[in-house]
Amino acid sequence: MSVHDFNHRQAEILAKDSNYEMALMLPISGQAVCDRARERLEDYCKHYGVEVVGSESINEKREIVPEGYGKEE
């Protein structure tokens, strides 16, 4: 397997789970960090010819994480 093939496969895996990963990161890291991470992920995937499906704002996917998760009371 060539380096390009490996990176292409890695991009496929990252693109598939990106919304879930960003939703888990959001309550702890915040919106700005998630937006920058999504931009870097999209650039990486685009470079290796993989489309990130559902690249809307991660705020739309927040229901994956329980309300109040990661916040102190």
Protein backbone atom coordinates (compact mmCIF):
# COMPACT_ATOMS: atom_id res chain seq x y z
CA MET A 1 0.00 0.00 0.00
CA SER A 2 1.44 3.35 -1.01
CA VAL A 3 1.50 6.42 1.22
CA HIS A 4 -1.16 8.08 -0.93
CA ASP A 5 -3.43 5.02 -0.66
CA PHE A 6 -2.96 4.96 3.11
CA ASN A 7 -3.76 8.67 3.44
CA HIS A 8 -6.79 8.30 1.15
CA ARG A 9 -8.11 5.48 3.35
CA GLN A 10 -7.45 7.55 6.48
CA ALA A 11 -9.40 10.44 4.93
CA GLU A 12 -12.33 8.09 4.23
CA ILE A 13 -12.39 6.97 7.85
CA LEU A 14 -12.13 10.53 9.19
CA ALA A 15 -14.86 11.79 6.85
CA LYS A 16 -17.22 8.99 7.85
CA ASP A 17 -17.02 9.70 11.59
CA SER A 18 -16.43 13.46 11.48
CA ASN A 19 -19.84 14.61 12.73
CA TYR A 20 -19.77 12.22 15.67
CA GLU A 21 -16.22 13.20 16.62
CA MET A 22 -16.99 16.92 16.39
CA ALA A 23 -20.14 16.51 18.48
CA LEU A 24 -18.14 14.79 21.21
CA MET A 25 -15.50 17.52 21.14
CA LEU A 26 -17.93 20.48 21.12
CA PRO A 27 -18.96 20.65 24.81
CA ILE A 28 -15.37 20.53 26.00
CA SER A 29 -13.44 22.42 23.32
CA GLY A 30 -16.03 24.92 22.13
CA GLN A 31 -17.40 26.00 18.77
CA ALA A 32 -14.28 27.84 17.53
CA VAL A 33 -12.02 24.81 18.05
CA CYS A 34 -14.54 22.51 16.36
CA ASP A 35 -14.87 24.86 13.39
CA ARG A 36 -11.08 24.98 12.92
CA ALA A 37 -10.82 21.21 13.26
CA ARG A 38 -13.59 20.74 10.68
CA GLU A 39 -11.81 23.10 8.25
CA ARG A 40 -8.55 21.16 8.60
CA LEU A 41 -10.38 17.86 8.21
CA GLU A 42 -12.18 19.06 5.08
CA ASP A 43 -8.90 20.31 3.58
CA TYR A 44 -7.19 16.98 4.31
CA CYS A 45 -10.05 14.98 2.82
CA LYS A 46 -10.28 17.26 -0.22
CA HIS A 47 -6.54 16.82 -0.84
CA TYR A 48 -7.00 13.03 -0.98
CA GLY A 49 -10.23 13.16 -3.02
CA VAL A 50 -12.70 12.32 -0.26
CA GLU A 51 -15.89 14.31 0.30
CA VAL A 52 -16.92 15.09 3.87
CA VAL A 53 -20.67 14.49 3.98
CA GLY A 54 -22.73 16.72 6.24
CA SER A 55 -20.22 19.51 6.64
CA GLU A 56 -22.81 21.87 8.10
CA SER A 57 -22.14 23.58 11.40
CA ILE A 58 -21.67 21.11 14.22
CA ASN A 59 -24.35 22.93 16.24
CA GLU A 60 -26.89 21.00 14.17
CA LYS A 61 -25.49 17.67 15.44
CA ARG A 62 -25.35 18.54 19.12
CA GLU A 63 -28.09 16.04 20.05
CA ILE A 64 -25.48 13.26 19.93
CA VAL A 65 -24.00 14.58 23.19
CA PRO A 66 -26.28 14.61 26.25
CA GLU A 67 -27.37 18.10 27.31
CA GLY A 68 -24.98 19.54 29.87
CA TYR A 69 -22.24 16.97 29.19
CA GLY A 70 -18.82 18.34 30.08
CA LYS A 71 -20.15 21.36 31.97
CA GLU A 72 -19.74 21.94 35.66
CA GLU A 73 -22.83 22.78 37.65
